[in-house]
Amino acid sequence: MHGWLDTSSTFQFLVDCFEQEWDIIAPDWPGYGESEWRHQHYYMQDDVVMLDVILDRYSPDTQASLVGHSYGGQVTTLLSGARPERVRHYVSLEGFGPRQQPVSAAPRLMAMWLERSREERRNSQYTGFDALAQRLKTANVRLTSQRADFLARSLGRCPAQDNTVVELQADPWRRLRGMPLSFPTAAFFETFLSHISAPALWLRGDDSDYMTLVFPEDELYKARFSHLRNARDVLINQAGHNIHHDQPELVARHIEHFLNST
């Protein structure tokens, strides 16, 4: 399950590195990729419902192994905690939940969210796929030119027929995060972690801006990880937040070993 402002096709590097054949279902969340746009607010609980429906459709009688990155990892966490009997394996690629915010910050954060709700919604535009690929390489220096080009053509679209302008293939409303301090808070998220019964695998990059933001101290990460009952923690070297782009071979190896040994 893909992350925020992403699409399912960006898992392709990871899939290409699997040594075994797997039945893989990789949907686009509503408002991303090939899925329809709502042109209104999106909430995480709606995506939990979507994942629940997908399991009913494609794995109605057997447990499923769930793999999620970032936002997708948070959604799979909530589903795995709410319906533990439906999940065989739970794998999260830096989808470890929100950072802890003091409750006293709620009015300020709500005011910021309300202001952002009024802003005009539009995606950044680029002068072609090459320009978007260069923007991706600037944001992630580990990307090869070949991978950056693939990602640009997966994430971008041409709204005009002359192909002179490229923008993200995501509903601009997706840029507005869910209402702050409502769903889920850190304590809320950790309660779901404690209800997961499936074997768990957490993979994280050694140079991740997400990890630095959410867990500025190692003890904070260890405390959250401790809510899982049966879990493995793997650090991927030379990788940022998008570890499946930076080190797909290593990530694939760890996932397959986990799936085959638990």
Foldseek 3Di string as FASTA:
>chain_A
DEAFLAAQCLLVLLVVQAPDDDDDDGHGDAQAFPHHHPLDADALVVVLVVVVVVCCVPPVPAADADEYAASGLLSLLLNLLVCQVRHAEREYQNNLDAAADDPVCQVVLQVVLVVVNPDDFDFDKDQALQRQLVVVCVVPVLFDSVSSSVRSVRQWDDPDPVRRMITGSGGSSSVRYPRPPPPPHLVNSLSSQLRRPHEYEYEYEPAEPSCCVRPVDPVVVVVSVVSHDHYDYYYDYPDYSPRCRNPSNVVSVVVVVVVVPD
